[in-house]
Amino acid sequence: MNASQIYIAISIAILAIIAVLLLFVSKRKKPGGKIFTPLAGLAFGFILAGLFFGEERPIGYSLTGMGVILAVVDMFKRPKSKKHESMG
């Protein structure tokens, strides 16, 4: 394995750990607190990995693109928040 493959393997392992941690944190969600959804956290991790691997353009752009796609999917899957009753 060359250096870039090792970096990719490490980044995938770190993203998997982040996803597992986000699942556990979201189960202990405090009322009124805003926490990333697991999908948003994973998207954030992919974007950070894309920035980290920015020197190798195909890898960096792929990871960043995957993060953006996951963020957009999360926006459409998130339930619509209720409007405040006092506003109208």
Protein backbone atom coordinates (compact mmCIF):
# COMPACT_ATOMS: atom_id res chain seq x y z
CA MET A 1 0.00 0.00 0.00
CA ASN A 2 1.30 3.42 -0.86
CA ALA A 3 0.90 6.54 1.27
CA SER A 4 -2.30 7.81 -0.37
CA GLN A 5 -4.06 4.48 0.16
CA ILE A 6 -3.06 4.52 3.82
CA TYR A 7 -4.45 8.06 4.21
CA ILE A 8 -7.71 7.04 2.56
CA ALA A 9 -8.03 3.98 4.82
CA ILE A 10 -7.37 6.11 7.90
CA SER A 11 -9.93 8.73 6.82
CA ILE A 12 -12.59 6.10 6.20
CA ALA A 13 -11.93 4.59 9.63
CA ILE A 14 -12.14 8.01 11.29
CA LEU A 15 -15.40 8.81 9.49
CA ALA A 16 -16.84 5.49 10.63
CA ILE A 17 -15.87 6.26 14.22
CA ILE A 18 -17.44 9.73 13.95
CA ALA A 19 -20.65 8.22 12.58
CA VAL A 20 -20.86 5.71 15.45
CA LEU A 21 -20.21 8.44 18.02
CA LEU A 22 -22.89 10.65 16.49
CA LEU A 23 -25.39 7.83 16.73
CA PHE A 24 -24.70 7.46 20.44
CA VAL A 25 -24.78 11.21 21.08
CA SER A 26 -28.06 11.66 19.21
CA LYS A 27 -29.73 9.08 21.47
CA ARG A 28 -28.85 11.20 24.52
CA LYS A 29 -30.15 14.38 22.90
CA LYS A 30 -31.10 17.09 25.35
CA PRO A 31 -34.47 18.77 24.88
CA GLY A 32 -34.11 22.09 23.13
CA GLY A 33 -30.52 21.38 22.14
CA LYS A 34 -29.60 21.29 18.49
CA ILE A 35 -27.28 18.45 17.54
CA PHE A 36 -26.20 17.34 14.10
CA THR A 37 -28.18 14.49 12.69
CA PRO A 38 -25.98 11.47 11.98
CA LEU A 39 -26.23 12.18 8.26
CA ALA A 40 -25.22 15.83 8.74
CA GLY A 41 -22.27 14.77 10.89
CA LEU A 42 -21.16 12.33 8.25
CA ALA A 43 -21.48 15.03 5.59
CA PHE A 44 -19.40 17.36 7.74
CA GLY A 45 -16.76 14.65 8.10
CA PHE A 46 -16.62 14.06 4.35
CA ILE A 47 -16.20 17.77 3.69
CA LEU A 48 -13.38 18.00 6.22
CA ALA A 49 -11.72 14.94 4.69
CA GLY A 50 -12.06 16.55 1.26
CA LEU A 51 -10.28 19.64 2.55
CA PHE A 52 -7.60 17.50 4.13
CA PHE A 53 -6.97 15.61 0.87
CA GLY A 54 -7.17 18.78 -1.25
CA GLU A 55 -3.67 18.27 -2.67
CA GLU A 56 -4.83 15.21 -4.57
CA ARG A 57 -7.67 16.74 -6.53
CA PRO A 58 -9.66 13.63 -7.52
CA ILE A 59 -9.76 12.38 -3.95
CA GLY A 60 -10.43 15.80 -2.42
CA TYR A 61 -13.17 16.69 -4.86
CA SER A 62 -14.81 13.27 -4.49
CA LEU A 63 -14.91 13.50 -0.70
CA THR A 64 -16.15 17.09 -0.75
CA GLY A 65 -18.80 16.25 -3.33
CA MET A 66 -20.00 13.29 -1.27
CA GLY A 67 -20.26 15.57 1.77
CA VAL A 68 -22.31 18.13 -0.14
CA ILE A 69 -24.63 15.43 -1.49
CA LEU A 70 -25.16 14.01 2.01
CA ALA A 71 -25.85 17.50 3.38
CA VAL A 72 -28.48 18.14 0.70
CA VAL A 73 -30.10 14.75 1.36
CA ASP A 74 -30.16 15.57 5.08
CA MET A 75 -31.87 18.91 4.41
CA PHE A 76 -34.68 17.20 2.51
CA LYS A 77 -35.07 14.35 5.01
CA ARG A 78 -35.17 16.60 8.08
CA PRO A 79 -38.74 17.16 9.30
CA LYS A 80 -40.13 20.64 8.88
CA SER A 81 -40.04 22.59 12.13
CA LYS A 82 -43.31 23.89 13.48
CA LYS A 83 -43.84 27.63 13.28
CA HIS A 84 -44.36 29.48 16.51
CA GLU A 85 -48.02 29.85 17.32
CA SER A 86 -47.53 33.40 18.57
CA MET A 87 -46.27 34.55 15.15
CA GLY A 88 -49.45 34.19 13.39
